[in-house]
């Protein structure tokens, strides 16, 4: 068993791989060393890579996987010989090497990984700026930032989803759909991407002029007509007027939480997904729904 007493080094298993490697790499880069007790080159590389990782004083973590006991992720990553070393950053493998490299090359491998995190930091800051602009309605600022991130990192699902939302907000469903076509296979089930797809599915192709006013007048005249209010909320959803839709759905739920077998609640949850978890309408709507459910 290798010596992993350092806080920067740990042994892991297939069961803990997602937590120790994939999720942990969202905070800092993680090096994965696939090894086995019978492997001579593994015994040569092990102390070298541990020494280099420790010299970085916590900037990078090392996770060691004994493939005799934990073959699943080694197989998924296509490991055919060991030692095999993979670098993970932001939840995905970004570099790799095989064999017992000398210390200078190991250091170069890790230095390259850490220098890449500067770019990752720039991207993270850009995404925050774009999200802030998007939430304030400044699509002219948000869209170019998302586009520049995609140019730098073509598989960045947050940027892809953000740019698609900008197109949707401008009523350009076709370009939103085309943007989502850029999503890599690994990102198709990402919550941000699923939210945009829901928004597209709920988006109406067109609405008759004055239809909102007519429905609103009808609801105002008969406030207990929940069917008519639900119809109005659907029109608001189709027009991406999520706050208005949420307000009317919550009125229904306030009167009868299980109206039509939970139909209004189900629609409300769809709106939350379509608007996105950080949209102010979603945040406030979830708070109000919680108050109704646990009153």
C-alpha atoms as a PDB file:
ATOM      1  CA  UNK A   1       0.000   0.000   0.000  1.00  0.00           C
ATOM      2  CA  UNK A   2       1.445   3.400  -0.938  1.00  0.00           C
ATOM      3  CA  UNK A   3       2.179   5.983   1.706  1.00  0.00           C
ATOM      4  CA  UNK A   4      -0.632   8.524   1.530  1.00  0.00           C
ATOM      5  CA  UNK A   5      -0.181  10.274   4.857  1.00  0.00           C
ATOM      6  CA  UNK A   6      -0.101  13.691   3.170  1.00  0.00           C
ATOM      7  CA  UNK A   7      -3.293  15.771   3.234  1.00  0.00           C
ATOM      8  CA  UNK A   8      -2.804  16.303  -0.509  1.00  0.00           C
ATOM      9  CA  UNK A   9      -2.816  12.568  -1.292  1.00  0.00           C
ATOM     10  CA  UNK A  10      -5.443   9.909  -0.701  1.00  0.00           C
ATOM     11  CA  UNK A  11      -6.399   6.407  -1.728  1.00  0.00           C
ATOM     12  CA  UNK A  12      -9.835   6.048  -3.274  1.00  0.00           C
ATOM     13  CA  UNK A  13     -12.210   3.496  -4.769  1.00  0.00           C
ATOM     14  CA  UNK A  14     -14.635   3.171  -7.651  1.00  0.00           C
ATOM     15  CA  UNK A  15     -17.433   3.897  -5.176  1.00  0.00           C
ATOM     16  CA  UNK A  16     -15.883   7.220  -4.135  1.00  0.00           C
ATOM     17  CA  UNK A  17     -14.439   8.202  -7.521  1.00  0.00           C
ATOM     18  CA  UNK A  18     -17.132  10.757  -8.350  1.00  0.00           C
ATOM     19  CA  UNK A  19     -16.767  12.532  -5.006  1.00  0.00           C
ATOM     20  CA  UNK A  20     -12.974  12.295  -4.704  1.00  0.00           C
ATOM     21  CA  UNK A  21     -12.134  13.069  -8.323  1.00  0.00           C
ATOM     22  CA  UNK A  22     -14.968  14.453 -10.457  1.00  0.00           C
ATOM     23  CA  UNK A  23     -16.651  16.670  -7.869  1.00  0.00           C
ATOM     24  CA  UNK A  24     -13.423  17.555  -6.065  1.00  0.00           C
ATOM     25  CA  UNK A  25     -11.898  18.793  -9.321  1.00  0.00           C
ATOM     26  CA  UNK A  26     -14.485  21.565  -9.439  1.00  0.00           C
ATOM     27  CA  UNK A  27     -12.628  23.110  -6.506  1.00  0.00           C
ATOM     28  CA  UNK A  28      -9.038  22.349  -7.497  1.00  0.00           C
ATOM     29  CA  UNK A  29      -7.280  20.124 -10.055  1.00  0.00           C
ATOM     30  CA  UNK A  30      -7.024  16.432  -9.179  1.00  0.00           C
ATOM     31  CA  UNK A  31      -4.378  13.975 -10.408  1.00  0.00           C
ATOM     32  CA  UNK A  32      -5.464  10.317 -10.558  1.00  0.00           C
ATOM     33  CA  UNK A  33      -2.773   7.635 -10.408  1.00  0.00           C
ATOM     34  CA  UNK A  34      -4.015   4.208 -11.513  1.00  0.00           C
ATOM     35  CA  UNK A  35      -1.607   1.619 -10.072  1.00  0.00           C
ATOM     36  CA  UNK A  36      -1.367  -1.986  -8.814  1.00  0.00           C
ATOM     37  CA  UNK A  37       0.783  -3.635  -6.117  1.00  0.00           C
ATOM     38  CA  UNK A  38       2.493  -5.959  -8.617  1.00  0.00           C
ATOM     39  CA  UNK A  39       3.485  -3.132 -10.997  1.00  0.00           C
ATOM     40  CA  UNK A  40       7.207  -2.270 -10.837  1.00  0.00           C
ATOM     41  CA  UNK A  41       6.976   1.042 -12.769  1.00  0.00           C
ATOM     42  CA  UNK A  42       4.080   2.037 -10.462  1.00  0.00           C
ATOM     43  CA  UNK A  43       6.441   1.703  -7.493  1.00  0.00           C
ATOM     44  CA  UNK A  44       8.943   3.973  -9.268  1.00  0.00           C
ATOM     45  CA  UNK A  45       6.389   6.621 -10.233  1.00  0.00           C
ATOM     46  CA  UNK A  46       4.428   6.658  -6.980  1.00  0.00           C
ATOM     47  CA  UNK A  47       6.970   8.413  -4.736  1.00  0.00           C
ATOM     48  CA  UNK A  48       7.897  10.825  -7.541  1.00  0.00           C
ATOM     49  CA  UNK A  49       4.374  12.033  -8.255  1.00  0.00           C
ATOM     50  CA  UNK A  50       3.570  12.221  -4.536  1.00  0.00           C
ATOM     51  CA  UNK A  51       6.657  14.377  -3.963  1.00  0.00           C
ATOM     52  CA  UNK A  52       5.771  16.768  -6.783  1.00  0.00           C
ATOM     53  CA  UNK A  53       2.140  17.037  -5.650  1.00  0.00           C
ATOM     54  CA  UNK A  54       3.202  17.787  -2.075  1.00  0.00           C
ATOM     55  CA  UNK A  55       5.580  20.483  -3.334  1.00  0.00           C
ATOM     56  CA  UNK A  56       2.552  22.364  -4.736  1.00  0.00           C
ATOM     57  CA  UNK A  57       1.274  22.885  -1.157  1.00  0.00           C
ATOM     58  CA  UNK A  58      -2.364  22.027  -1.790  1.00  0.00           C
ATOM     59  CA  UNK A  59      -2.766  23.592  -5.247  1.00  0.00           C
ATOM     60  CA  UNK A  60      -3.408  20.102  -6.622  1.00  0.00           C
ATOM     61  CA  UNK A  61      -4.597  16.835  -5.075  1.00  0.00           C
ATOM     62  CA  UNK A  62      -3.471  13.292  -5.854  1.00  0.00           C
ATOM     63  CA  UNK A  63      -5.914  10.374  -5.767  1.00  0.00           C
ATOM     64  CA  UNK A  64      -4.495   6.860  -6.045  1.00  0.00           C
ATOM     65  CA  UNK A  65      -6.627   4.006  -7.412  1.00  0.00           C
ATOM     66  CA  UNK A  66      -5.599   0.363  -7.088  1.00  0.00           C
ATOM     67  CA  UNK A  67      -7.031  -1.082 -10.306  1.00  0.00           C
ATOM     68  CA  UNK A  68      -6.895  -4.670  -9.034  1.00  0.00           C
ATOM     69  CA  UNK A  69      -9.545  -3.739  -6.481  1.00  0.00           C
ATOM     70  CA  UNK A  70     -11.213  -0.919  -8.452  1.00  0.00           C
ATOM     71  CA  UNK A  71     -11.240  -1.578 -12.210  1.00  0.00           C
ATOM     72  CA  UNK A  72     -14.406   0.277 -13.256  1.00  0.00           C
ATOM     73  CA  UNK A  73     -13.200   3.846 -13.881  1.00  0.00           C
ATOM     74  CA  UNK A  74      -9.851   2.683 -15.230  1.00  0.00           C
ATOM     75  CA  UNK A  75     -11.830   0.732 -17.802  1.00  0.00           C
ATOM     76  CA  UNK A  76     -14.049   3.702 -18.629  1.00  0.00           C
ATOM     77  CA  UNK A  77     -11.002   5.891 -19.186  1.00  0.00           C
ATOM     78  CA  UNK A  78      -9.435   3.320 -21.509  1.00  0.00           C
ATOM     79  CA  UNK A  79      -6.488   2.373 -19.307  1.00  0.00           C
ATOM     80  CA  UNK A  80      -4.582  -0.457 -21.001  1.00  0.00           C
ATOM     81  CA  UNK A  81      -1.305  -0.347 -19.083  1.00  0.00           C
ATOM     82  CA  UNK A  82      -0.117   1.100 -15.789  1.00  0.00           C
ATOM     83  CA  UNK A  83       0.920   3.327 -14.277  1.00  0.00           C
ATOM     84  CA  UNK A  84      -1.636   5.578 -15.946  1.00  0.00           C
ATOM     85  CA  UNK A  85      -2.088   9.140 -14.730  1.00  0.00           C
ATOM     86  CA  UNK A  86      -5.038  11.412 -15.527  1.00  0.00           C
ATOM     87  CA  UNK A  87      -5.520  15.087 -14.700  1.00  0.00           C
ATOM     88  CA  UNK A  88      -9.069  16.245 -13.913  1.00  0.00           C
ATOM     89  CA  UNK A  89     -10.226  19.850 -13.849  1.00  0.00           C
ATOM     90  CA  UNK A  90     -13.783  21.194 -13.593  1.00  0.00           C
ATOM     91  CA  UNK A  91     -15.228  17.697 -13.519  1.00  0.00           C
ATOM     92  CA  UNK A  92     -13.550  16.218 -16.593  1.00  0.00           C
ATOM     93  CA  UNK A  93     -10.222  14.694 -17.666  1.00  0.00           C
ATOM     94  CA  UNK A  94      -8.011  17.282 -19.372  1.00  0.00           C
ATOM     95  CA  UNK A  95      -4.630  15.522 -19.727  1.00  0.00           C
ATOM     96  CA  UNK A  96      -2.974  12.141 -19.181  1.00  0.00           C
ATOM     97  CA  UNK A  97       0.239  10.130 -19.475  1.00  0.00           C
ATOM     98  CA  UNK A  98       1.332   6.505 -19.068  1.00  0.00           C
ATOM     99  CA  UNK A  99       4.523   5.010 -17.714  1.00  0.00           C
ATOM    100  CA  UNK A 100       7.037   5.969 -15.038  1.00  0.00           C
ATOM    101  CA  UNK A 101       8.148   9.425 -16.182  1.00  0.00           C
ATOM    102  CA  UNK A 102      11.154  11.111 -14.573  1.00  0.00           C
ATOM    103  CA  UNK A 103      10.502  13.770 -11.950  1.00  0.00           C
ATOM    104  CA  UNK A 104      11.170  16.683 -14.319  1.00  0.00           C
ATOM    105  CA  UNK A 105       8.485  15.515 -16.734  1.00  0.00           C
ATOM    106  CA  UNK A 106       6.026  14.835 -13.932  1.00  0.00           C
ATOM    107  CA  UNK A 107       6.614  18.361 -12.656  1.00  0.00           C
ATOM    108  CA  UNK A 108       6.052  19.745 -16.155  1.00  0.00           C
ATOM    109  CA  UNK A 109       2.801  17.792 -16.451  1.00  0.00           C
ATOM    110  CA  UNK A 110       1.473  19.218 -13.190  1.00  0.00           C
ATOM    111  CA  UNK A 111       2.743  22.740 -13.911  1.00  0.00           C
ATOM    112  CA  UNK A 112       0.894  22.655 -17.234  1.00  0.00           C
ATOM    113  CA  UNK A 113      -2.280  21.590 -15.445  1.00  0.00           C
ATOM    114  CA  UNK A 114      -1.994  24.367 -12.876  1.00  0.00           C
ATOM    115  CA  UNK A 115      -1.260  27.023 -15.480  1.00  0.00           C
ATOM    116  CA  UNK A 116      -4.487  25.986 -17.177  1.00  0.00           C
ATOM    117  CA  UNK A 117      -6.432  26.817 -14.046  1.00  0.00           C
ATOM    118  CA  UNK A 118      -5.670  30.498 -14.686  1.00  0.00           C
ATOM    119  CA  UNK A 119      -7.766  30.200 -17.832  1.00  0.00           C
ATOM    120  CA  UNK A 120     -10.414  28.339 -15.865  1.00  0.00           C
ATOM    121  CA  UNK A 121     -10.554  31.190 -13.367  1.00  0.00           C
ATOM    122  CA  UNK A 122     -10.983  33.744 -16.151  1.00  0.00           C
ATOM    123  CA  UNK A 123     -13.810  31.656 -17.605  1.00  0.00           C
ATOM    124  CA  UNK A 124     -15.492  31.334 -14.213  1.00  0.00           C
ATOM    125  CA  UNK A 125     -15.363  35.092 -13.685  1.00  0.00           C
ATOM    126  CA  UNK A 126     -16.702  35.711 -17.189  1.00  0.00           C
ATOM    127  CA  UNK A 127     -19.642  33.405 -16.561  1.00  0.00           C
ATOM    128  CA  UNK A 128     -20.530  35.267 -13.378  1.00  0.00           C
ATOM    129  CA  UNK A 129     -20.431  38.553 -15.308  1.00  0.00           C
ATOM    130  CA  UNK A 130     -22.593  37.115 -18.093  1.00  0.00           C
ATOM    131  CA  UNK A 131     -25.132  35.676 -15.638  1.00  0.00           C
ATOM    132  CA  UNK A 132     -25.389  39.005 -13.820  1.00  0.00           C
ATOM    133  CA  UNK A 133     -25.950  40.837 -17.098  1.00  0.00           C
ATOM    134  CA  UNK A 134     -28.490  38.278 -18.272  1.00  0.00           C
ATOM    135  CA  UNK A 135     -30.500  38.448 -15.041  1.00  0.00           C
ATOM    136  CA  UNK A 136     -30.639  42.242 -15.317  1.00  0.00           C
ATOM    137  CA  UNK A 137     -31.914  41.984 -18.891  1.00  0.00           C
ATOM    138  CA  UNK A 138     -28.693  43.234 -20.492  1.00  0.00           C
ATOM    139  CA  UNK A 139     -28.574  40.579 -23.207  1.00  0.00           C
ATOM    140  CA  UNK A 140     -26.291  42.745 -25.360  1.00  0.00           C
ATOM    141  CA  UNK A 141     -23.587  42.288 -22.733  1.00  0.00           C
ATOM    142  CA  UNK A 142     -24.368  38.710 -21.731  1.00  0.00           C
ATOM    143  CA  UNK A 143     -24.531  37.080 -25.181  1.00  0.00           C
ATOM    144  CA  UNK A 144     -21.040  38.115 -26.392  1.00  0.00           C
ATOM    145  CA  UNK A 145     -19.499  36.968 -23.096  1.00  0.00           C
ATOM    146  CA  UNK A 146     -21.147  33.564 -23.357  1.00  0.00           C
ATOM    147  CA  UNK A 147     -20.005  33.331 -26.990  1.00  0.00           C
ATOM    148  CA  UNK A 148     -16.402  34.164 -26.055  1.00  0.00           C
ATOM    149  CA  UNK A 149     -16.405  31.487 -23.344  1.00  0.00           C
ATOM    150  CA  UNK A 150     -17.670  28.924 -25.856  1.00  0.00           C
ATOM    151  CA  UNK A 151     -14.889  29.935 -28.237  1.00  0.00           C
ATOM    152  CA  UNK A 152     -12.363  29.280 -25.451  1.00  0.00           C
ATOM    153  CA  UNK A 153     -14.116  26.177 -24.094  1.00  0.00           C
ATOM    154  CA  UNK A 154     -16.481  24.703 -26.733  1.00  0.00           C
ATOM    155  CA  UNK A 155     -17.943  22.157 -24.289  1.00  0.00           C
ATOM    156  CA  UNK A 156     -18.801  24.614 -21.510  1.00  0.00           C
ATOM    157  CA  UNK A 157     -22.442  23.736 -20.849  1.00  0.00           C
ATOM    158  CA  UNK A 158     -23.069  26.784 -18.654  1.00  0.00           C
ATOM    159  CA  UNK A 159     -22.046  29.119 -21.470  1.00  0.00           C
ATOM    160  CA  UNK A 160     -23.990  27.123 -24.071  1.00  0.00           C
ATOM    161  CA  UNK A 161     -27.123  27.230 -21.935  1.00  0.00           C
ATOM    162  CA  UNK A 162     -26.624  30.923 -21.223  1.00  0.00           C
ATOM    163  CA  UNK A 163     -26.238  31.846 -24.880  1.00  0.00           C
ATOM    164  CA  UNK A 164     -29.287  29.762 -25.803  1.00  0.00           C
ATOM    165  CA  UNK A 165     -31.302  31.610 -23.149  1.00  0.00           C
ATOM    166  CA  UNK A 166     -30.207  34.941 -24.626  1.00  0.00           C
ATOM    167  CA  UNK A 167     -31.530  33.866 -28.010  1.00  0.00           C
ATOM    168  CA  UNK A 168     -34.784  32.689 -26.428  1.00  0.00           C
ATOM    169  CA  UNK A 169     -35.204  35.993 -24.627  1.00  0.00           C
ATOM    170  CA  UNK A 170     -34.988  37.690 -28.022  1.00  0.00           C
ATOM    171  CA  UNK A 171     -37.603  35.303 -29.418  1.00  0.00           C
ATOM    172  CA  UNK A 172     -35.107  33.449 -31.627  1.00  0.00           C
ATOM    173  CA  UNK A 173     -36.075  29.853 -30.919  1.00  0.00           C
ATOM    174  CA  UNK A 174     -34.233  28.507 -33.991  1.00  0.00           C
ATOM    175  CA  UNK A 175     -30.854  29.908 -32.905  1.00  0.00           C
ATOM    176  CA  UNK A 176     -31.449  28.710 -29.360  1.00  0.00           C
ATOM    177  CA  UNK A 177     -32.018  25.182 -30.631  1.00  0.00           C
ATOM    178  CA  UNK A 178     -28.947  25.421 -32.877  1.00  0.00           C
ATOM    179  CA  UNK A 179     -26.871  26.556 -29.898  1.00  0.00           C
ATOM    180  CA  UNK A 180     -27.964  23.554 -27.858  1.00  0.00           C
ATOM    181  CA  UNK A 181     -26.730  21.320 -30.673  1.00  0.00           C
ATOM    182  CA  UNK A 182     -23.215  22.238 -29.472  1.00  0.00           C
ATOM    183  CA  UNK A 183     -23.747  20.456 -26.142  1.00  0.00           C
ATOM    184  CA  UNK A 184     -21.373  17.491 -25.743  1.00  0.00           C
ATOM    185  CA  UNK A 185     -22.839  14.078 -24.975  1.00  0.00           C
ATOM    186  CA  UNK A 186     -21.618  14.331 -21.374  1.00  0.00           C
ATOM    187  CA  UNK A 187     -23.576  17.555 -20.860  1.00  0.00           C
ATOM    188  CA  UNK A 188     -26.946  16.619 -22.362  1.00  0.00           C
ATOM    189  CA  UNK A 189     -28.456  15.931 -18.933  1.00  0.00           C
ATOM    190  CA  UNK A 190     -26.966  18.973 -17.228  1.00  0.00           C
ATOM    191  CA  UNK A 191     -29.613  20.894 -15.287  1.00  0.00           C
ATOM    192  CA  UNK A 192     -28.841  24.162 -17.100  1.00  0.00           C
ATOM    193  CA  UNK A 193     -29.285  22.490 -20.493  1.00  0.00           C
ATOM    194  CA  UNK A 194     -32.465  20.692 -19.409  1.00  0.00           C
ATOM    195  CA  UNK A 195     -33.879  24.003 -18.218  1.00  0.00           C
ATOM    196  CA  UNK A 196     -33.361  25.643 -21.612  1.00  0.00           C
ATOM    197  CA  UNK A 197     -34.903  22.663 -23.385  1.00  0.00           C
ATOM    198  CA  UNK A 198     -37.937  22.957 -21.127  1.00  0.00           C
ATOM    199  CA  UNK A 199     -38.175  26.674 -21.927  1.00  0.00           C
ATOM    200  CA  UNK A 200     -38.079  25.873 -25.641  1.00  0.00           C
ATOM    201  CA  UNK A 201     -40.771  23.215 -25.285  1.00  0.00           C
ATOM    202  CA  UNK A 202     -43.021  25.634 -23.398  1.00  0.00           C
ATOM    203  CA  UNK A 203     -42.393  28.575 -25.714  1.00  0.00           C
ATOM    204  CA  UNK A 204     -45.417  29.437 -27.874  1.00  0.00           C
ATOM    205  CA  UNK A 205     -44.957  29.948 -31.609  1.00  0.00           C
ATOM    206  CA  UNK A 206     -47.357  32.876 -31.635  1.00  0.00           C
ATOM    207  CA  UNK A 207     -50.242  34.439 -29.793  1.00  0.00           C
ATOM    208  CA  UNK A 208     -53.294  36.229 -31.086  1.00  0.00           C
ATOM    209  CA  UNK A 209     -53.167  40.011 -30.546  1.00  0.00           C
ATOM    210  CA  UNK A 210     -54.996  41.054 -27.428  1.00  0.00           C
ATOM    211  CA  UNK A 211     -55.337  37.480 -26.151  1.00  0.00           C
ATOM    212  CA  UNK A 212     -53.554  38.285 -22.878  1.00  0.00           C
ATOM    213  CA  UNK A 213     -55.883  41.221 -22.201  1.00  0.00           C
ATOM    214  CA  UNK A 214     -58.985  39.161 -22.922  1.00  0.00           C
ATOM    215  CA  UNK A 215     -57.894  36.356 -20.589  1.00  0.00           C
ATOM    216  CA  UNK A 216     -56.816  38.762 -17.875  1.00  0.00           C
ATOM    217  CA  UNK A 217     -60.177  40.526 -18.095  1.00  0.00           C
ATOM    218  CA  UNK A 218     -61.962  37.178 -17.778  1.00  0.00           C
ATOM    219  CA  UNK A 219     -59.853  36.182 -14.759  1.00  0.00           C
ATOM    220  CA  UNK A 220     -60.406  39.549 -13.101  1.00  0.00           C
ATOM    221  CA  UNK A 221     -64.152  39.164 -13.558  1.00  0.00           C
ATOM    222  CA  UNK A 222     -64.120  35.591 -12.195  1.00  0.00           C
ATOM    223  CA  UNK A 223     -61.114  35.230  -9.847  1.00  0.00           C
ATOM    224  CA  UNK A 224     -62.217  31.765  -8.694  1.00  0.00           C
ATOM    225  CA  UNK A 225     -62.216  30.414 -12.245  1.00  0.00           C
ATOM    226  CA  UNK A 226     -58.968  28.477 -11.838  1.00  0.00           C
ATOM    227  CA  UNK A 227     -59.240  26.846 -15.259  1.00  0.00           C
ATOM    228  CA  UNK A 228     -59.252  30.242 -16.927  1.00  0.00           C
ATOM    229  CA  UNK A 229     -56.412  31.441 -14.677  1.00  0.00           C
ATOM    230  CA  UNK A 230     -54.407  28.334 -15.581  1.00  0.00           C
ATOM    231  CA  UNK A 231     -54.981  29.075 -19.273  1.00  0.00           C
ATOM    232  CA  UNK A 232     -53.698  32.603 -18.702  1.00  0.00           C
ATOM    233  CA  UNK A 233     -50.611  31.281 -16.932  1.00  0.00           C
ATOM    234  CA  UNK A 234     -49.873  28.994 -19.892  1.00  0.00           C
ATOM    235  CA  UNK A 235     -50.029  31.986 -22.226  1.00  0.00           C
ATOM    236  CA  UNK A 236     -47.583  33.846 -20.001  1.00  0.00           C
ATOM    237  CA  UNK A 237     -45.268  30.825 -19.984  1.00  0.00           C
ATOM    238  CA  UNK A 238     -45.353  30.623 -23.767  1.00  0.00           C
ATOM    239  CA  UNK A 239     -44.313  34.276 -23.930  1.00  0.00           C
ATOM    240  CA  UNK A 240     -41.553  33.668 -21.335  1.00  0.00           C
ATOM    241  CA  UNK A 241     -43.299  35.985 -18.892  1.00  0.00           C
ATOM    242  CA  UNK A 242     -42.373  33.620 -16.103  1.00  0.00           C
ATOM    243  CA  UNK A 243     -43.025  35.935 -13.167  1.00  0.00           C
ATOM    244  CA  UNK A 244     -46.591  36.591 -14.314  1.00  0.00           C
ATOM    245  CA  UNK A 245     -47.148  32.869 -14.838  1.00  0.00           C
ATOM    246  CA  UNK A 246     -45.758  32.030 -11.411  1.00  0.00           C
ATOM    247  CA  UNK A 247     -47.974  34.634  -9.740  1.00  0.00           C
ATOM    248  CA  UNK A 248     -51.144  33.179 -11.234  1.00  0.00           C
ATOM    249  CA  UNK A 249     -50.177  29.556 -10.575  1.00  0.00           C
ATOM    250  CA  UNK A 250     -49.487  30.423  -6.953  1.00  0.00           C
ATOM    251  CA  UNK A 251     -52.926  32.026  -6.666  1.00  0.00           C
ATOM    252  CA  UNK A 252     -54.426  28.704  -7.779  1.00  0.00           C
ATOM    253  CA  UNK A 253     -52.263  26.761  -5.341  1.00  0.00           C
ATOM    254  CA  UNK A 254     -53.109  29.183  -2.562  1.00  0.00           C
ATOM    255  CA  UNK A 255     -56.772  28.369  -3.059  1.00  0.00           C
ATOM    256  CA  UNK A 256     -56.318  24.637  -3.583  1.00  0.00           C
ATOM    257  CA  UNK A 257     -52.901  23.045  -3.360  1.00  0.00           C
ATOM    258  CA  UNK A 258     -53.949  19.850  -5.153  1.00  0.00           C
ATOM    259  CA  UNK A 259     -56.086  21.558  -7.818  1.00  0.00           C
ATOM    260  CA  UNK A 260     -56.792  19.209 -10.736  1.00  0.00           C
ATOM    261  CA  UNK A 261     -54.675  16.467  -9.159  1.00  0.00           C
ATOM    262  CA  UNK A 262     -51.632  18.679  -8.762  1.00  0.00           C
ATOM    263  CA  UNK A 263     -51.785  20.128 -12.284  1.00  0.00           C
ATOM    264  CA  UNK A 264     -50.903  23.682 -11.213  1.00  0.00           C
ATOM    265  CA  UNK A 265     -48.012  22.555  -9.023  1.00  0.00           C
ATOM    266  CA  UNK A 266     -46.586  20.399 -11.809  1.00  0.00           C
ATOM    267  CA  UNK A 267     -46.783  23.339 -14.218  1.00  0.00           C
ATOM    268  CA  UNK A 268     -45.156  25.625 -11.656  1.00  0.00           C
ATOM    269  CA  UNK A 269     -42.187  23.269 -11.295  1.00  0.00           C
ATOM    270  CA  UNK A 270     -41.832  23.273 -15.079  1.00  0.00           C
ATOM    271  CA  UNK A 271     -41.709  27.062 -15.024  1.00  0.00           C
ATOM    272  CA  UNK A 272     -38.985  27.011 -12.363  1.00  0.00           C
ATOM    273  CA  UNK A 273     -36.930  24.691 -14.577  1.00  0.00           C
ATOM    274  CA  UNK A 274     -37.563  26.793 -17.690  1.00  0.00           C
ATOM    275  CA  UNK A 275     -36.671  30.070 -15.973  1.00  0.00           C
ATOM    276  CA  UNK A 276     -33.579  28.595 -14.354  1.00  0.00           C
ATOM    277  CA  UNK A 277     -32.677  28.181 -10.667  1.00  0.00           C
ATOM    278  CA  UNK A 278     -31.061  31.615 -10.297  1.00  0.00           C
ATOM    279  CA  UNK A 279     -33.810  33.623 -11.959  1.00  0.00           C
ATOM    280  CA  UNK A 280     -35.348  35.981  -9.370  1.00  0.00           C
ATOM    281  CA  UNK A 281     -38.817  34.753 -10.346  1.00  0.00           C
ATOM    282  CA  UNK A 282     -37.789  31.175  -9.550  1.00  0.00           C
ATOM    283  CA  UNK A 283     -36.115  32.078  -6.260  1.00  0.00           C
ATOM    284  CA  UNK A 284     -39.122  34.063  -5.046  1.00  0.00           C
ATOM    285  CA  UNK A 285     -41.578  31.537  -6.448  1.00  0.00           C
ATOM    286  CA  UNK A 286     -39.942  28.634  -4.632  1.00  0.00           C
ATOM    287  CA  UNK A 287     -40.022  30.604  -1.387  1.00  0.00           C
ATOM    288  CA  UNK A 288     -43.720  31.319  -1.789  1.00  0.00           C
ATOM    289  CA  UNK A 289     -44.496  27.719  -2.755  1.00  0.00           C
ATOM    290  CA  UNK A 290     -42.676  26.517   0.360  1.00  0.00           C
ATOM    291  CA  UNK A 291     -44.757  28.844   2.482  1.00  0.00           C
ATOM    292  CA  UNK A 292     -47.952  27.422   1.008  1.00  0.00           C
ATOM    293  CA  UNK A 293     -46.878  23.809   1.407  1.00  0.00           C
ATOM    294  CA  UNK A 294     -45.692  24.111   4.994  1.00  0.00           C
ATOM    295  CA  UNK A 295     -48.122  26.675   6.299  1.00  0.00           C
END
